[in-house]
Amino acid sequence: MSRRLYFVLPDLDSAKKTANDLLLSRVEYRQMHFLGPRDMPMGELHEASFLQKSDVRHALFLGAGLGIVGGMVLGLYLKLTPIGSYTFDVGTLILCVIGGGVFGAWASTLIGVSTPNTQLRPFEKDIEDGKILMMIDVPVSRVQEIEEMLHKSHPEAIDRGMEPTTPVFP
């Protein structure tokens, strides 16, 4: 199990130095994610991925859940209401639930692709001001060690808390 730590860094040089210190502390490069203003080149820093910047993951689960519920309602309606002399069976209910889930997931991810990640809303002002957001995924056992190291060697890094659980795929 791991936690995602959030730190706001004042500039690109500070972000590079912090990344190097984290590498020396044996934090893997792929566990560090940096997000800056849209036009700022990140250089050799590991930039946040598309899935971390957008709300695709949240939209996928929300859409799939709503689609399953909608498919279930449609399937139950068809099962309980015969059309003419034709009656629908349980297979129709199952197909409606699966179809609703797939359709809901597909439709909602189309929206989630263009929506900024809701987890990053508190950092929008800092990013607009030219600062860099650093997200670090660390095991629970190393959270305190990494926080202490960053506070000691990088006082310019503003600790902005942690996410209680880190997604399986970033």
N, C-alpha and C. Protein backbone atom coordinates (compact mmCIF):
# COMPACT_ATOMS: atom_id res chain seq x y z
N MET A 1 0.85 -1.18 0.00
CA MET A 1 0.00 0.00 0.00
C MET A 1 0.89 1.23 0.00
N SER A 2 0.48 2.23 -0.74
CA SER A 2 1.28 3.45 -0.80
C SER A 2 0.40 4.67 -0.64
N ARG A 3 1.05 5.79 -0.41
CA ARG A 3 0.38 7.07 -0.26
C ARG A 3 0.97 8.04 -1.27
N ARG A 4 0.17 8.97 -1.71
CA ARG A 4 0.64 10.02 -2.61
C ARG A 4 0.82 11.30 -1.81
N LEU A 5 2.06 11.79 -1.77
CA LEU A 5 2.38 13.03 -1.08
C LEU A 5 2.39 14.17 -2.08
N TYR A 6 1.91 15.32 -1.67
CA TYR A 6 1.86 16.50 -2.52
C TYR A 6 2.77 17.58 -1.94
N PHE A 7 3.64 18.12 -2.79
CA PHE A 7 4.50 19.24 -2.41
C PHE A 7 4.47 20.27 -3.53
N VAL A 8 4.48 21.55 -3.16
CA VAL A 8 4.53 22.63 -4.14
C VAL A 8 5.93 23.24 -4.08
N LEU A 9 6.58 23.28 -5.23
CA LEU A 9 7.95 23.80 -5.33
C LEU A 9 7.93 25.13 -6.07
N PRO A 10 8.80 26.06 -5.69
CA PRO A 10 8.74 27.41 -6.27
C PRO A 10 9.16 27.52 -7.73
N ASP A 11 10.11 26.68 -8.17
CA ASP A 11 10.60 26.80 -9.54
C ASP A 11 11.17 25.49 -10.05
N LEU A 12 11.61 25.50 -11.30
CA LEU A 12 12.12 24.30 -11.96
C LEU A 12 13.43 23.82 -11.35
N ASP A 13 14.32 24.73 -11.00
CA ASP A 13 15.60 24.33 -10.38
C ASP A 13 15.38 23.61 -9.06
N SER A 14 14.48 24.13 -8.26
CA SER A 14 14.16 23.50 -6.99
C SER A 14 13.56 22.11 -7.21
N ALA A 15 12.73 21.99 -8.23
CA ALA A 15 12.12 20.69 -8.54
C ALA A 15 13.17 19.68 -8.96
N LYS A 16 14.15 20.11 -9.76
CA LYS A 16 15.22 19.21 -10.19
C LYS A 16 16.07 18.76 -9.00
N LYS A 17 16.43 19.69 -8.12
CA LYS A 17 17.22 19.34 -6.95
C LYS A 17 16.46 18.38 -6.03
N THR A 18 15.18 18.64 -5.87
CA THR A 18 14.36 17.79 -5.02
C THR A 18 14.25 16.39 -5.61
N ALA A 19 14.07 16.30 -6.93
CA ALA A 19 13.99 15.00 -7.59
C ALA A 19 15.30 14.24 -7.42
N ASN A 20 16.43 14.92 -7.55
CA ASN A 20 17.72 14.25 -7.36
C ASN A 20 17.89 13.74 -5.94
N ASP A 21 17.46 14.54 -4.95
CA ASP A 21 17.55 14.09 -3.56
C ASP A 21 16.63 12.90 -3.30
N LEU A 22 15.48 12.90 -3.93
CA LEU A 22 14.57 11.76 -3.77
C LEU A 22 15.16 10.50 -4.41
N LEU A 23 15.81 10.66 -5.54
CA LEU A 23 16.48 9.52 -6.17
C LEU A 23 17.58 8.97 -5.26
N LEU A 24 18.33 9.86 -4.61
CA LEU A 24 19.36 9.42 -3.67
C LEU A 24 18.76 8.74 -2.45
N SER A 25 17.52 9.09 -2.13
CA SER A 25 16.81 8.46 -1.01
C SER A 25 16.09 7.18 -1.44
N ARG A 26 16.38 6.74 -2.65
CA ARG A 26 15.83 5.50 -3.22
C ARG A 26 14.33 5.54 -3.46
N VAL A 27 13.86 6.69 -3.90
CA VAL A 27 12.49 6.79 -4.40
C VAL A 27 12.61 6.64 -5.91
N GLU A 28 11.88 5.70 -6.48
CA GLU A 28 11.99 5.43 -7.90
C GLU A 28 11.52 6.62 -8.73
N TYR A 29 12.18 6.79 -9.88
CA TYR A 29 11.87 7.89 -10.79
C TYR A 29 10.41 7.86 -11.22
N ARG A 30 9.89 6.65 -11.47
CA ARG A 30 8.51 6.53 -11.94
C ARG A 30 7.49 6.80 -10.85
N GLN A 31 7.94 6.95 -9.59
CA GLN A 31 7.03 7.26 -8.49
C GLN A 31 6.92 8.77 -8.23
N MET A 32 7.71 9.56 -8.98
CA MET A 32 7.66 11.02 -8.86
C MET A 32 6.95 11.59 -10.09
N HIS A 33 6.03 12.50 -9.87
CA HIS A 33 5.28 13.10 -10.96
C HIS A 33 5.26 14.61 -10.74
N PHE A 34 5.61 15.36 -11.77
CA PHE A 34 5.68 16.81 -11.68
C PHE A 34 4.67 17.44 -12.62
N LEU A 35 4.02 18.48 -12.14
CA LEU A 35 3.03 19.19 -12.94
C LEU A 35 3.26 20.69 -12.77
N GLY A 36 3.49 21.35 -13.90
CA GLY A 36 3.72 22.79 -13.88
C GLY A 36 2.75 23.49 -14.81
N PRO A 37 2.96 24.78 -15.02
CA PRO A 37 2.10 25.50 -15.96
C PRO A 37 2.16 24.86 -17.35
N ARG A 38 1.11 25.03 -18.09
CA ARG A 38 0.95 24.36 -19.38
C ARG A 38 2.12 24.60 -20.34
N ASP A 39 2.65 25.79 -20.39
CA ASP A 39 3.70 26.11 -21.37
C ASP A 39 5.12 25.89 -20.83
N MET A 40 5.26 25.42 -19.60
CA MET A 40 6.58 25.24 -19.01
C MET A 40 7.16 23.88 -19.41
N PRO A 41 8.35 23.87 -20.06
CA PRO A 41 9.00 22.59 -20.35
C PRO A 41 9.58 22.00 -19.06
N MET A 42 9.34 20.73 -18.83
CA MET A 42 9.78 20.09 -17.59
C MET A 42 11.18 19.49 -17.69
N GLY A 43 11.75 19.47 -18.87
CA GLY A 43 13.11 18.94 -19.00
C GLY A 43 13.15 17.46 -18.69
N GLU A 44 14.10 17.06 -17.83
CA GLU A 44 14.25 15.64 -17.51
C GLU A 44 13.34 15.17 -16.38
N LEU A 45 12.51 16.06 -15.84
CA LEU A 45 11.59 15.66 -14.78
C LEU A 45 10.49 14.76 -15.34
N HIS A 46 10.05 13.84 -14.53
CA HIS A 46 8.98 12.90 -14.92
C HIS A 46 7.65 13.64 -14.82
N GLU A 47 7.13 14.07 -15.96
CA GLU A 47 5.90 14.85 -15.98
C GLU A 47 4.69 13.96 -15.65
N ALA A 48 3.71 14.56 -15.02
CA ALA A 48 2.48 13.84 -14.69
C ALA A 48 1.83 13.32 -15.97
N SER A 49 1.30 12.12 -15.90
CA SER A 49 0.71 11.48 -17.07
C SER A 49 -0.67 12.05 -17.37
N PHE A 50 -1.17 11.68 -18.52
CA PHE A 50 -2.50 12.09 -18.96
C PHE A 50 -3.56 11.66 -17.95
N LEU A 51 -3.43 10.44 -17.42
CA LEU A 51 -4.41 9.94 -16.46
C LEU A 51 -4.36 10.71 -15.14
N GLN A 52 -3.20 11.25 -14.80
CA GLN A 52 -3.08 12.03 -13.57
C GLN A 52 -3.59 13.45 -13.75
N LYS A 53 -3.52 13.96 -14.96
CA LYS A 53 -3.97 15.34 -15.23
C LYS A 53 -5.47 15.42 -15.46
N SER A 54 -6.07 14.38 -16.04
CA SER A 54 -7.48 14.43 -16.39
C SER A 54 -8.30 13.63 -15.37
N ASP A 55 -9.60 13.72 -15.51
CA ASP A 55 -10.52 13.05 -14.58
C ASP A 55 -11.08 11.76 -15.18
N VAL A 56 -10.32 11.10 -16.02
CA VAL A 56 -10.80 9.90 -16.72
C VAL A 56 -11.16 8.79 -15.74
N ARG A 57 -10.30 8.54 -14.77
CA ARG A 57 -10.53 7.43 -13.83
C ARG A 57 -11.84 7.64 -13.06
N HIS A 58 -12.03 8.83 -12.52
CA HIS A 58 -13.24 9.14 -11.76
C HIS A 58 -14.47 9.03 -12.66
N ALA A 59 -14.38 9.58 -13.87
CA ALA A 59 -15.50 9.54 -14.80
C ALA A 59 -15.83 8.11 -15.22
N LEU A 60 -14.81 7.29 -15.42
CA LEU A 60 -15.04 5.90 -15.83
C LEU A 60 -15.87 5.15 -14.79
N PHE A 61 -15.47 5.24 -13.53
CA PHE A 61 -16.20 4.51 -12.49
C PHE A 61 -17.60 5.08 -12.26
N LEU A 62 -17.72 6.39 -12.29
CA LEU A 62 -19.04 7.00 -12.12
C LEU A 62 -19.97 6.63 -13.27
N GLY A 63 -19.46 6.73 -14.50
CA GLY A 63 -20.28 6.40 -15.67
C GLY A 63 -20.67 4.93 -15.72
N ALA A 64 -19.72 4.05 -15.38
CA ALA A 64 -20.04 2.62 -15.38
C ALA A 64 -21.12 2.31 -14.35
N GLY A 65 -21.00 2.92 -13.17
CA GLY A 65 -22.00 2.69 -12.12
C GLY A 65 -23.38 3.18 -12.53
N LEU A 66 -23.44 4.39 -13.08
CA LEU A 66 -24.73 4.93 -13.52
C LEU A 66 -25.28 4.12 -14.70
N GLY A 67 -24.40 3.68 -15.59
CA GLY A 67 -24.84 2.87 -16.73
C GLY A 67 -25.41 1.53 -16.29
N ILE A 68 -24.80 0.92 -15.29
CA ILE A 68 -25.30 -0.36 -14.77
C ILE A 68 -26.68 -0.18 -14.16
N VAL A 69 -26.84 0.89 -13.38
CA VAL A 69 -28.15 1.16 -12.77
C VAL A 69 -29.19 1.43 -13.85
N GLY A 70 -28.82 2.26 -14.85
CA GLY A 70 -29.76 2.54 -15.94
C GLY A 70 -30.11 1.29 -16.74
N GLY A 71 -29.10 0.45 -17.00
CA GLY A 71 -29.36 -0.81 -17.71
C GLY A 71 -30.25 -1.74 -16.91
N MET A 72 -30.06 -1.75 -15.60
CA MET A 72 -30.89 -2.59 -14.75
C MET A 72 -32.34 -2.11 -14.77
N VAL A 73 -32.54 -0.81 -14.71
CA VAL A 73 -33.90 -0.26 -14.75
C VAL A 73 -34.56 -0.61 -16.08
N LEU A 74 -33.82 -0.42 -17.18
CA LEU A 74 -34.37 -0.75 -18.50
C LEU A 74 -34.66 -2.24 -18.61
N GLY A 75 -33.74 -3.07 -18.15
CA GLY A 75 -33.94 -4.52 -18.20
C GLY A 75 -35.15 -4.97 -17.38
N LEU A 76 -35.31 -4.40 -16.18
CA LEU A 76 -36.48 -4.74 -15.36
C LEU A 76 -37.77 -4.28 -16.01
N TYR A 77 -37.75 -3.11 -16.61
CA TYR A 77 -38.93 -2.61 -17.30
C TYR A 77 -39.32 -3.54 -18.44
N LEU A 78 -38.34 -3.94 -19.24
CA LEU A 78 -38.62 -4.85 -20.35
C LEU A 78 -39.09 -6.22 -19.85
N LYS A 79 -38.52 -6.69 -18.76
CA LYS A 79 -38.91 -7.99 -18.20
C LYS A 79 -40.33 -7.97 -17.68
N LEU A 80 -40.71 -6.87 -17.05
CA LEU A 80 -42.04 -6.79 -16.43
C LEU A 80 -43.13 -6.30 -17.37
N THR A 81 -42.76 -5.69 -18.49
CA THR A 81 -43.74 -5.14 -19.42
C THR A 81 -43.60 -5.80 -20.78
N PRO A 82 -44.44 -6.76 -21.07
CA PRO A 82 -44.35 -7.40 -22.40
C PRO A 82 -44.77 -6.43 -23.50
N ILE A 83 -44.12 -6.54 -24.65
CA ILE A 83 -44.46 -5.71 -25.80
C ILE A 83 -45.26 -6.60 -26.76
N GLY A 84 -46.54 -6.33 -26.83
CA GLY A 84 -47.41 -7.18 -27.64
C GLY A 84 -47.45 -8.57 -27.04
N SER A 85 -47.16 -9.58 -27.85
CA SER A 85 -47.16 -10.95 -27.35
C SER A 85 -45.74 -11.42 -26.99
N TYR A 86 -44.76 -10.52 -27.13
CA TYR A 86 -43.38 -10.89 -26.87
C TYR A 86 -42.99 -10.53 -25.44
N THR A 87 -42.48 -11.49 -24.70
CA THR A 87 -42.01 -11.24 -23.34
C THR A 87 -40.49 -11.43 -23.29
N PHE A 88 -39.85 -10.62 -22.50
CA PHE A 88 -38.39 -10.68 -22.36
C PHE A 88 -38.04 -11.53 -21.15
N ASP A 89 -36.91 -12.23 -21.23
CA ASP A 89 -36.51 -13.08 -20.11
C ASP A 89 -35.31 -12.49 -19.37
N VAL A 90 -34.70 -13.29 -18.51
CA VAL A 90 -33.59 -12.82 -17.68
C VAL A 90 -32.37 -12.45 -18.53
N GLY A 91 -32.19 -13.11 -19.66
CA GLY A 91 -31.07 -12.79 -20.54
C GLY A 91 -31.10 -11.34 -21.00
N THR A 92 -32.30 -10.84 -21.24
CA THR A 92 -32.44 -9.43 -21.63
C THR A 92 -32.00 -8.51 -20.51
N LEU A 93 -32.37 -8.86 -19.29
CA LEU A 93 -31.95 -8.07 -18.13
C LEU A 93 -30.42 -8.04 -18.03
N ILE A 94 -29.79 -9.19 -18.17
CA ILE A 94 -28.33 -9.28 -18.09
C ILE A 94 -27.67 -8.46 -19.20
N LEU A 95 -28.19 -8.58 -20.42
CA LEU A 95 -27.64 -7.81 -21.54
C LEU A 95 -27.81 -6.30 -21.34
N CYS A 96 -28.94 -5.90 -20.79
CA CYS A 96 -29.16 -4.47 -20.53
C CYS A 96 -28.19 -3.95 -19.47
N VAL A 97 -27.94 -4.73 -18.43
CA VAL A 97 -27.01 -4.31 -17.38
C VAL A 97 -25.60 -4.19 -17.95
N ILE A 98 -25.15 -5.19 -18.69
CA ILE A 98 -23.80 -5.15 -19.28
C ILE A 98 -23.70 -4.01 -20.30
N GLY A 99 -24.69 -3.90 -21.17
CA GLY A 99 -24.69 -2.83 -22.17
C GLY A 99 -24.72 -1.45 -21.53
N GLY A 100 -25.52 -1.29 -20.49
CA GLY A 100 -25.58 -0.01 -19.79
C GLY A 100 -24.25 0.35 -19.15
N GLY A 101 -23.59 -0.65 -18.54
CA GLY A 101 -22.29 -0.40 -17.93
C GLY A 101 -21.24 0.01 -18.95
N VAL A 102 -21.20 -0.70 -20.08
CA VAL A 102 -20.24 -0.38 -21.13
C VAL A 102 -20.53 0.99 -21.73
N PHE A 103 -21.80 1.25 -22.03
CA PHE A 103 -22.15 2.54 -22.61
C PHE A 103 -21.87 3.69 -21.64
N GLY A 104 -22.22 3.50 -20.37
CA GLY A 104 -21.98 4.54 -19.37
C GLY A 104 -20.49 4.82 -19.20
N ALA A 105 -19.67 3.77 -19.17
CA ALA A 105 -18.22 3.95 -19.05
C ALA A 105 -17.67 4.68 -20.27
N TRP A 106 -18.09 4.29 -21.45
CA TRP A 106 -17.60 4.92 -22.68
C TRP A 106 -18.00 6.39 -22.74
N ALA A 107 -19.28 6.67 -22.51
CA ALA A 107 -19.77 8.04 -22.61
C ALA A 107 -19.12 8.96 -21.57
N SER A 108 -18.96 8.45 -20.36
CA SER A 108 -18.40 9.31 -19.31
C SER A 108 -16.91 9.56 -19.50
N THR A 109 -16.17 8.59 -20.05
CA THR A 109 -14.75 8.84 -20.27
C THR A 109 -14.54 9.88 -21.37
N LEU A 110 -15.48 9.99 -22.30
CA LEU A 110 -15.38 11.06 -23.29
C LEU A 110 -15.41 12.43 -22.63
N ILE A 111 -16.19 12.53 -21.58
CA ILE A 111 -16.26 13.79 -20.82
C ILE A 111 -15.05 13.92 -19.90
N GLY A 112 -14.66 12.83 -19.25
CA GLY A 112 -13.54 12.86 -18.32
C GLY A 112 -12.21 13.22 -18.95
N VAL A 113 -12.05 12.92 -20.24
CA VAL A 113 -10.81 13.24 -20.94
C VAL A 113 -10.57 14.75 -20.96
N SER A 114 -11.61 15.52 -21.08
CA SER A 114 -11.45 16.97 -21.20
C SER A 114 -11.62 17.70 -19.87
N THR A 115 -11.83 16.97 -18.79
CA THR A 115 -12.03 17.58 -17.48
C THR A 115 -10.77 17.45 -16.64
N PRO A 116 -10.31 18.53 -16.03
CA PRO A 116 -9.13 18.42 -15.15
C PRO A 116 -9.42 17.53 -13.94
N ASN A 117 -8.38 16.90 -13.43
CA ASN A 117 -8.50 16.00 -12.29
C ASN A 117 -9.03 16.76 -11.07
N THR A 118 -10.08 16.24 -10.47
CA THR A 118 -10.68 16.89 -9.30
C THR A 118 -9.75 16.89 -8.10
N GLN A 119 -8.83 15.92 -8.01
CA GLN A 119 -7.88 15.86 -6.90
C GLN A 119 -6.88 17.02 -6.95
N LEU A 120 -6.69 17.61 -8.15
CA LEU A 120 -5.69 18.66 -8.30
C LEU A 120 -6.26 20.07 -8.21
N ARG A 121 -7.55 20.21 -7.95
CA ARG A 121 -8.17 21.53 -7.83
C ARG A 121 -7.51 22.43 -6.79
N PRO A 122 -7.15 21.90 -5.61
CA PRO A 122 -6.53 22.78 -4.62
C PRO A 122 -5.19 23.38 -5.06
N PHE A 123 -4.58 22.81 -6.09
CA PHE A 123 -3.25 23.26 -6.53
C PHE A 123 -3.30 24.14 -7.77
N GLU A 124 -4.47 24.40 -8.32
CA GLU A 124 -4.59 25.17 -9.57
C GLU A 124 -3.98 26.55 -9.46
N LYS A 125 -4.22 27.24 -8.36
CA LYS A 125 -3.70 28.60 -8.17
C LYS A 125 -2.17 28.60 -8.16
N ASP A 126 -1.58 27.67 -7.44
CA ASP A 126 -0.12 27.58 -7.38
C ASP A 126 0.48 27.30 -8.76
N ILE A 127 -0.14 26.40 -9.50
CA ILE A 127 0.37 26.06 -10.83
C ILE A 127 0.24 27.25 -11.77
N GLU A 128 -0.88 27.97 -11.69
CA GLU A 128 -1.06 29.17 -12.52
C GLU A 128 -0.02 30.25 -12.20
N ASP A 129 0.43 30.28 -10.94
CA ASP A 129 1.43 31.26 -10.52
C ASP A 129 2.86 30.86 -10.92
N GLY A 130 3.01 29.73 -11.62
CA GLY A 130 4.32 29.31 -12.09
C GLY A 130 5.03 28.33 -11.20
N LYS A 131 4.37 27.87 -10.16
CA LYS A 131 4.99 26.89 -9.26
C LYS A 131 4.79 25.49 -9.83
N ILE A 132 5.50 24.54 -9.25
CA ILE A 132 5.46 23.16 -9.73
C ILE A 132 4.91 22.26 -8.64
N LEU A 133 3.94 21.45 -8.99
CA LEU A 133 3.38 20.47 -8.07
C LEU A 133 4.15 19.17 -8.22
N MET A 134 4.62 18.64 -7.10
CA MET A 134 5.31 17.36 -7.10
C MET A 134 4.45 16.35 -6.36
N MET A 135 4.15 15.25 -7.03
CA MET A 135 3.39 14.15 -6.42
C MET A 135 4.34 12.97 -6.29
N ILE A 136 4.45 12.41 -5.09
CA ILE A 136 5.34 11.29 -4.85
C ILE A 136 4.52 10.14 -4.30
N ASP A 137 4.64 8.98 -4.92
CA ASP A 137 3.98 7.77 -4.44
C ASP A 137 5.00 6.96 -3.65
N VAL A 138 4.78 6.85 -2.34
CA VAL A 138 5.72 6.13 -1.48
C VAL A 138 4.97 5.11 -0.63
N PRO A 139 5.66 4.02 -0.26
CA PRO A 139 5.03 3.06 0.65
C PRO A 139 4.69 3.72 1.99
N VAL A 140 3.67 3.23 2.63
CA VAL A 140 3.22 3.79 3.90
C VAL A 140 4.36 3.81 4.91
N SER A 141 5.20 2.80 4.89
CA SER A 141 6.29 2.70 5.86
C SER A 141 7.35 3.79 5.67
N ARG A 142 7.40 4.44 4.51
CA ARG A 142 8.42 5.46 4.24
C ARG A 142 7.87 6.89 4.23
N VAL A 143 6.60 7.08 4.48
CA VAL A 143 5.99 8.42 4.40
C VAL A 143 6.70 9.39 5.34
N GLN A 144 6.84 9.03 6.59
CA GLN A 144 7.45 9.93 7.57
C GLN A 144 8.90 10.22 7.22
N GLU A 145 9.64 9.20 6.79
CA GLU A 145 11.05 9.38 6.41
C GLU A 145 11.20 10.37 5.26
N ILE A 146 10.38 10.22 4.22
CA ILE A 146 10.46 11.10 3.05
C ILE A 146 10.04 12.52 3.42
N GLU A 147 8.98 12.66 4.20
CA GLU A 147 8.54 14.00 4.62
C GLU A 147 9.62 14.71 5.44
N GLU A 148 10.25 14.00 6.38
CA GLU A 148 11.30 14.59 7.19
C GLU A 148 12.50 15.00 6.34
N MET A 149 12.88 14.16 5.38
CA MET A 149 13.99 14.47 4.51
C MET A 149 13.71 15.72 3.68
N LEU A 150 12.50 15.82 3.15
CA LEU A 150 12.15 16.99 2.34
C LEU A 150 12.07 18.26 3.18
N HIS A 151 11.51 18.17 4.38
CA HIS A 151 11.42 19.35 5.24
C HIS A 151 12.81 19.83 5.65
N LYS A 152 13.72 18.90 5.87
CA LYS A 152 15.07 19.24 6.32
C LYS A 152 15.92 19.81 5.18
N SER A 153 15.93 19.13 4.04
CA SER A 153 16.84 19.54 2.96
C SER A 153 16.21 20.50 1.95
N HIS A 154 14.89 20.63 1.95
CA HIS A 154 14.21 21.53 1.00
C HIS A 154 13.11 22.32 1.72
N PRO A 155 13.51 23.32 2.50
CA PRO A 155 12.50 24.11 3.22
C PRO A 155 11.59 24.91 2.28
N GLU A 156 12.02 25.10 1.03
CA GLU A 156 11.20 25.84 0.07
C GLU A 156 10.01 25.01 -0.42
N ALA A 157 10.07 23.69 -0.23
CA ALA A 157 8.97 22.81 -0.64
C ALA A 157 7.84 22.92 0.36
N ILE A 158 6.68 23.31 -0.12
CA ILE A 158 5.51 23.48 0.75
C ILE A 158 4.74 22.18 0.78
N ASP A 159 4.61 21.61 1.98
CA ASP A 159 3.89 20.35 2.15
C ASP A 159 2.40 20.63 2.04
N ARG A 160 1.75 19.96 1.08
CA ARG A 160 0.32 20.18 0.87
C ARG A 160 -0.50 18.92 1.18
N GLY A 161 0.05 18.04 2.00
CA GLY A 161 -0.71 16.90 2.47
C GLY A 161 -0.51 15.64 1.65
N MET A 162 -1.39 14.69 1.89
CA MET A 162 -1.29 13.41 1.19
C MET A 162 -2.67 12.88 0.86
N GLU A 163 -2.69 12.05 -0.18
CA GLU A 163 -3.91 11.35 -0.57
C GLU A 163 -3.92 10.05 0.19
N PRO A 164 -5.02 9.68 0.82
CA PRO A 164 -5.03 8.49 1.66
C PRO A 164 -4.72 7.19 0.91
N THR A 165 -5.15 7.08 -0.31
CA THR A 165 -4.82 5.90 -1.10
C THR A 165 -4.33 6.31 -2.46
N THR A 166 -3.40 5.57 -2.99
CA THR A 166 -2.87 5.84 -4.31
C THR A 166 -3.51 4.89 -5.28
N PRO A 167 -3.96 5.38 -6.44
CA PRO A 167 -4.57 4.48 -7.41
C PRO A 167 -3.57 3.42 -7.89
N VAL A 168 -4.10 2.27 -8.25
CA VAL A 168 -3.26 1.18 -8.73
C VAL A 168 -2.54 1.59 -9.98
N PHE A 169 -3.22 2.25 -10.90
CA PHE A 169 -2.55 2.79 -12.08
C PHE A 169 -2.65 4.30 -12.01
N PRO A 170 -1.52 5.00 -12.19
CA PRO A 170 -1.49 6.45 -12.01
C PRO A 170 -2.23 7.23 -13.05
